[in-house]
PDB file of all heavy atoms in Angstrom:
ATOM      1  N   ILE A   1      -0.854   2.445   6.110  1.00  0.00           N
ATOM      2  CA  ILE A   1      -1.923   3.098   5.252  1.00  0.00           C
ATOM      3  C   ILE A   1      -2.550   4.343   5.811  1.00  0.00           C
ATOM      4  O   ILE A   1      -3.596   4.784   5.412  1.00  0.00           O
ATOM      5  CB  ILE A   1      -3.032   2.099   4.969  1.00  0.00           C
ATOM      6  CG1 ILE A   1      -3.758   1.692   6.202  1.00  0.00           C
ATOM      7  CG2 ILE A   1      -2.461   0.833   4.262  1.00  0.00           C
ATOM      8  CD1 ILE A   1      -5.118   1.007   5.935  1.00  0.00           C
ATOM      9  N   ASP A   2      -1.921   5.071   6.823  1.00  0.00           N
ATOM     10  CA  ASP A   2      -2.547   6.112   7.513  1.00  0.00           C
ATOM     11  C   ASP A   2      -2.831   7.363   6.713  1.00  0.00           C
ATOM     12  O   ASP A   2      -3.738   8.087   7.043  1.00  0.00           O
ATOM     13  CB  ASP A   2      -1.778   6.501   8.826  1.00  0.00           C
ATOM     14  CG  ASP A   2      -0.357   6.989   8.520  1.00  0.00           C
ATOM     15  OD1 ASP A   2      -0.233   8.165   8.155  1.00  0.00           O
ATOM     16  OD2 ASP A   2       0.577   6.230   8.693  1.00  0.00           O
ATOM     17  N   GLY A   3      -2.080   7.541   5.671  1.00  0.00           N
ATOM     18  CA  GLY A   3      -2.299   8.662   4.820  1.00  0.00           C
ATOM     19  C   GLY A   3      -1.956  10.079   5.456  1.00  0.00           C
ATOM     20  O   GLY A   3      -2.349  11.114   4.815  1.00  0.00           O
ATOM     21  N   ILE A   4      -1.351  10.066   6.511  1.00  0.00           N
ATOM     22  CA  ILE A   4      -0.848  11.277   7.142  1.00  0.00           C
ATOM     23  C   ILE A   4       0.617  11.357   7.281  1.00  0.00           C
ATOM     24  O   ILE A   4       1.283  12.293   6.792  1.00  0.00           O
ATOM     25  CB  ILE A   4      -1.588  11.442   8.583  1.00  0.00           C
ATOM     26  CG1 ILE A   4      -3.054  11.517   8.476  1.00  0.00           C
ATOM     27  CG2 ILE A   4      -1.087  12.730   9.314  1.00  0.00           C
ATOM     28  CD1 ILE A   4      -3.815  11.397   9.713  1.00  0.00           C
ATOM     29  N   TYR A   5       1.203  10.394   7.935  1.00  0.00           N
ATOM     30  CA  TYR A   5       2.652  10.318   8.097  1.00  0.00           C
ATOM     31  C   TYR A   5       3.223   9.340   7.028  1.00  0.00           C
ATOM     32  O   TYR A   5       4.438   9.376   6.803  1.00  0.00           O
ATOM     33  CB  TYR A   5       2.987   9.857   9.465  1.00  0.00           C
ATOM     34  CG  TYR A   5       2.563  10.772  10.570  1.00  0.00           C
ATOM     35  CD1 TYR A   5       1.455  10.417  11.420  1.00  0.00           C
ATOM     36  CD2 TYR A   5       3.135  12.016  10.706  1.00  0.00           C
ATOM     37  CE1 TYR A   5       0.971  11.336  12.367  1.00  0.00           C
ATOM     38  CE2 TYR A   5       2.717  12.901  11.696  1.00  0.00           C
ATOM     39  CZ  TYR A   5       1.617  12.567  12.479  1.00  0.00           C
ATOM     40  OH  TYR A   5       1.168  13.470  13.423  1.00  0.00           O
ATOM     41  N   ASN A   6       2.373   8.591   6.409  1.00  0.00           N
ATOM     42  CA  ASN A   6       2.803   7.585   5.440  1.00  0.00           C
ATOM     43  C   ASN A   6       1.852   7.637   4.289  1.00  0.00           C
ATOM     44  O   ASN A   6       0.868   8.452   4.266  1.00  0.00           O
ATOM     45  CB  ASN A   6       2.786   6.173   6.068  1.00  0.00           C
ATOM     46  CG  ASN A   6       3.804   6.093   7.194  1.00  0.00           C
ATOM     47  OD1 ASN A   6       4.987   6.096   7.059  1.00  0.00           O
ATOM     48  ND2 ASN A   6       3.254   5.971   8.417  1.00  0.00           N
ATOM     49  N   MET A   7       1.949   6.757   3.351  1.00  0.00           N
ATOM     50  CA  MET A   7       0.988   6.560   2.267  1.00  0.00           C
ATOM     51  C   MET A   7      -0.405   6.224   2.752  1.00  0.00           C
ATOM     52  O   MET A   7      -0.490   5.597   3.871  1.00  0.00           O
ATOM     53  CB  MET A   7       1.545   5.558   1.257  1.00  0.00           C
ATOM     54  CG  MET A   7       1.756   4.193   1.785  1.00  0.00           C
ATOM     55  SD  MET A   7       2.629   3.143   0.554  1.00  0.00           S
ATOM     56  CE  MET A   7       3.049   1.749   1.601  1.00  0.00           C
ATOM     57  N   GLY A   8      -1.434   6.613   2.004  1.00  0.00           N
ATOM     58  CA  GLY A   8      -2.738   6.304   2.325  1.00  0.00           C
ATOM     59  C   GLY A   8      -3.114   4.906   1.682  1.00  0.00           C
ATOM     60  O   GLY A   8      -2.372   4.269   1.065  1.00  0.00           O
ATOM     61  N   PRO A   9      -4.431   4.553   1.831  1.00  0.00           N
ATOM     62  CA  PRO A   9      -4.825   3.256   1.334  1.00  0.00           C
ATOM     63  C   PRO A   9      -4.697   3.138  -0.161  1.00  0.00           C
ATOM     64  O   PRO A   9      -4.304   2.024  -0.644  1.00  0.00           O
ATOM     65  CB  PRO A   9      -6.363   3.213   1.784  1.00  0.00           C
ATOM     66  CG  PRO A   9      -6.351   4.086   3.017  1.00  0.00           C
ATOM     67  CD  PRO A   9      -5.446   5.201   2.708  1.00  0.00           C
ATOM     68  N   ALA A  10      -4.935   4.187  -0.907  1.00  0.00           N
ATOM     69  CA  ALA A  10      -4.796   4.039  -2.407  1.00  0.00           C
ATOM     70  C   ALA A  10      -3.344   3.782  -2.837  1.00  0.00           C
ATOM     71  O   ALA A  10      -3.090   2.936  -3.686  1.00  0.00           O
ATOM     72  CB  ALA A  10      -5.361   5.235  -3.132  1.00  0.00           C
ATOM     73  N   GLU A  11      -2.458   4.598  -2.332  1.00  0.00           N
ATOM     74  CA  GLU A  11      -1.080   4.384  -2.626  1.00  0.00           C
ATOM     75  C   GLU A  11      -0.521   3.021  -2.127  1.00  0.00           C
ATOM     76  O   GLU A  11       0.201   2.415  -2.790  1.00  0.00           O
ATOM     77  CB  GLU A  11      -0.223   5.565  -2.034  1.00  0.00           C
ATOM     78  CG  GLU A  11       1.304   5.456  -2.497  1.00  0.00           C
ATOM     79  CD  GLU A  11       2.123   6.600  -1.973  1.00  0.00           C
ATOM     80  OE1 GLU A  11       1.582   7.537  -1.363  1.00  0.00           O
ATOM     81  OE2 GLU A  11       3.329   6.461  -2.252  1.00  0.00           O
ATOM     82  N   ALA A  12      -0.924   2.641  -0.961  1.00  0.00           N
ATOM     83  CA  ALA A  12      -0.545   1.310  -0.388  1.00  0.00           C
ATOM     84  C   ALA A  12      -1.047   0.196  -1.221  1.00  0.00           C
ATOM     85  O   ALA A  12      -0.377  -0.778  -1.448  1.00  0.00           O
ATOM     86  CB  ALA A  12      -0.980   1.243   1.105  1.00  0.00           C
ATOM     87  N   SER A  13      -2.242   0.362  -1.756  1.00  0.00           N
ATOM     88  CA  SER A  13      -2.874  -0.627  -2.673  1.00  0.00           C
ATOM     89  C   SER A  13      -2.026  -0.744  -3.937  1.00  0.00           C
ATOM     90  O   SER A  13      -1.756  -1.847  -4.444  1.00  0.00           O
ATOM     91  CB  SER A  13      -4.302  -0.327  -2.988  1.00  0.00           C
ATOM     92  OG  SER A  13      -5.133  -0.287  -1.845  1.00  0.00           O
ATOM     93  N   ALA A  14      -1.607   0.352  -4.471  1.00  0.00           N
ATOM     94  CA  ALA A  14      -0.732   0.347  -5.657  1.00  0.00           C
ATOM     95  C   ALA A  14       0.588  -0.328  -5.386  1.00  0.00           C
ATOM     96  O   ALA A  14       1.129  -1.076  -6.158  1.00  0.00           O
ATOM     97  CB  ALA A  14      -0.567   1.713  -6.118  1.00  0.00           C
ATOM     98  N   CYS A  15       1.111  -0.016  -4.171  1.00  0.00           N
ATOM     99  CA  CYS A  15       2.429  -0.632  -3.859  1.00  0.00           C
ATOM    100  C   CYS A  15       2.221  -2.113  -3.691  1.00  0.00           C
ATOM    101  O   CYS A  15       3.180  -2.894  -4.024  1.00  0.00           O
ATOM    102  CB  CYS A  15       2.967  -0.049  -2.522  1.00  0.00           C
ATOM    103  SG  CYS A  15       3.481   1.672  -2.775  1.00  0.00           S
ATOM    104  N   ALA A  16       1.154  -2.510  -3.136  1.00  0.00           N
ATOM    105  CA  ALA A  16       0.926  -4.020  -2.956  1.00  0.00           C
ATOM    106  C   ALA A  16       0.907  -4.628  -4.325  1.00  0.00           C
ATOM    107  O   ALA A  16       1.404  -5.838  -4.482  1.00  0.00           O
ATOM    108  CB  ALA A  16      -0.468  -4.304  -2.257  1.00  0.00           C
ATOM    109  N   GLY A  17       0.359  -3.973  -5.350  1.00  0.00           N
ATOM    110  CA  GLY A  17       0.405  -4.534  -6.702  1.00  0.00           C
ATOM    111  C   GLY A  17       1.805  -4.642  -7.262  1.00  0.00           C
ATOM    112  O   GLY A  17       2.082  -5.578  -8.055  1.00  0.00           O
ATOM    113  N   LEU A  18       2.646  -3.813  -6.844  1.00  0.00           N
ATOM    114  CA  LEU A  18       4.081  -3.803  -7.257  1.00  0.00           C
ATOM    115  C   LEU A  18       4.858  -4.940  -6.529  1.00  0.00           C
ATOM    116  O   LEU A  18       5.591  -5.667  -7.144  1.00  0.00           O
ATOM    117  CB  LEU A  18       4.862  -2.576  -7.041  1.00  0.00           C
ATOM    118  CG  LEU A  18       4.415  -1.304  -7.712  1.00  0.00           C
ATOM    119  CD1 LEU A  18       5.001  -0.040  -7.167  1.00  0.00           C
ATOM    120  CD2 LEU A  18       4.652  -1.407  -9.213  1.00  0.00           C
ATOM    121  N   ILE A  19       4.576  -5.118  -5.232  1.00  0.00           N
ATOM    122  CA  ILE A  19       5.294  -6.033  -4.394  1.00  0.00           C
ATOM    123  C   ILE A  19       4.841  -7.460  -4.701  1.00  0.00           C
ATOM    124  O   ILE A  19       5.664  -8.440  -4.704  1.00  0.00           O
ATOM    125  CB  ILE A  19       5.091  -5.711  -2.945  1.00  0.00           C
ATOM    126  CG1 ILE A  19       5.672  -4.336  -2.583  1.00  0.00           C
ATOM    127  CG2 ILE A  19       5.731  -6.724  -2.036  1.00  0.00           C
ATOM    128  CD1 ILE A  19       5.216  -3.783  -1.326  1.00  0.00           C
ATOM    129  N   ARG A  20       3.566  -7.664  -4.995  1.00  0.00           N
ATOM    130  CA  ARG A  20       2.996  -9.051  -5.349  1.00  0.00           C
ATOM    131  C   ARG A  20       3.264 -10.001  -4.265  1.00  0.00           C
ATOM    132  O   ARG A  20       3.561 -11.166  -4.627  1.00  0.00           O
ATOM    133  CB  ARG A  20       3.454  -9.432  -6.665  1.00  0.00           C
ATOM    134  CG  ARG A  20       3.111  -8.465  -7.837  1.00  0.00           C
ATOM    135  CD  ARG A  20       3.065  -9.138  -9.162  1.00  0.00           C
ATOM    136  NE  ARG A  20       4.385  -9.724  -9.605  1.00  0.00           N
ATOM    137  CZ  ARG A  20       5.246  -9.141 -10.259  1.00  0.00           C
ATOM    138  NH1 ARG A  20       5.164  -7.856 -10.624  1.00  0.00           N
ATOM    139  NH2 ARG A  20       6.368  -9.796 -10.649  1.00  0.00           N
ATOM    140  N   ALA A  21       3.079  -9.689  -3.021  1.00  0.00           N
ATOM    141  CA  ALA A  21       3.176 -10.638  -1.960  1.00  0.00           C
ATOM    142  C   ALA A  21       2.025 -11.668  -2.063  1.00  0.00           C
ATOM    143  O   ALA A  21       0.920 -11.281  -2.534  1.00  0.00           O
ATOM    144  CB  ALA A  21       3.198  -9.935  -0.631  1.00  0.00           C
ATOM    145  N   ARG A  22       2.108 -12.808  -1.489  1.00  0.00           N
ATOM    146  CA  ARG A  22       1.019 -13.811  -1.508  1.00  0.00           C
ATOM    147  C   ARG A  22      -0.142 -13.228  -0.657  1.00  0.00           C
ATOM    148  O   ARG A  22      -1.249 -13.382  -0.986  1.00  0.00           O
ATOM    149  CB  ARG A  22       1.579 -15.066  -0.825  1.00  0.00           C
ATOM    150  CG  ARG A  22       0.630 -16.258  -1.092  1.00  0.00           C
ATOM    151  CD  ARG A  22       1.444 -17.579  -0.823  1.00  0.00           C
ATOM    152  NE  ARG A  22       0.468 -18.464  -0.113  1.00  0.00           N
ATOM    153  CZ  ARG A  22       0.526 -18.785   1.156  1.00  0.00           C
ATOM    154  NH1 ARG A  22       1.550 -18.291   1.944  1.00  0.00           N
ATOM    155  NH2 ARG A  22      -0.307 -19.588   1.760  1.00  0.00           N
ATOM    156  N   HIS A  23       0.215 -12.555   0.445  1.00  0.00           N
ATOM    157  CA  HIS A  23      -0.795 -11.897   1.317  1.00  0.00           C
ATOM    158  C   HIS A  23      -0.265 -10.544   1.729  1.00  0.00           C
ATOM    159  O   HIS A  23       0.932 -10.411   2.029  1.00  0.00           O
ATOM    160  CB  HIS A  23      -1.168 -12.716   2.561  1.00  0.00           C
ATOM    161  CG  HIS A  23      -1.803 -14.000   2.220  1.00  0.00           C
ATOM    162  ND1 HIS A  23      -3.074 -14.178   1.784  1.00  0.00           N
ATOM    163  CD2 HIS A  23      -1.241 -15.299   2.304  1.00  0.00           C
ATOM    164  CE1 HIS A  23      -3.297 -15.452   1.596  1.00  0.00           C
ATOM    165  NE2 HIS A  23      -2.262 -16.173   1.928  1.00  0.00           N
ATOM    166  N   THR A  24      -1.140  -9.550   1.803  1.00  0.00           N
ATOM    167  CA  THR A  24      -0.768  -8.207   2.230  1.00  0.00           C
ATOM    168  C   THR A  24      -1.706  -7.760   3.365  1.00  0.00           C
ATOM    169  O   THR A  24      -2.917  -7.965   3.173  1.00  0.00           O
ATOM    170  CB  THR A  24      -0.742  -7.211   1.072  1.00  0.00           C
ATOM    171  OG1 THR A  24       0.080  -7.694   0.090  1.00  0.00           O
ATOM    172  CG2 THR A  24      -0.057  -5.810   1.576  1.00  0.00           C
TER     173      THR A  24
END
């Protein structure tokens, strides 16, 4: 979630919604 070299917290949150893991 660093938002510099990778996605930031907002994009990671959206991805978590796609993945639908029991825990993220």
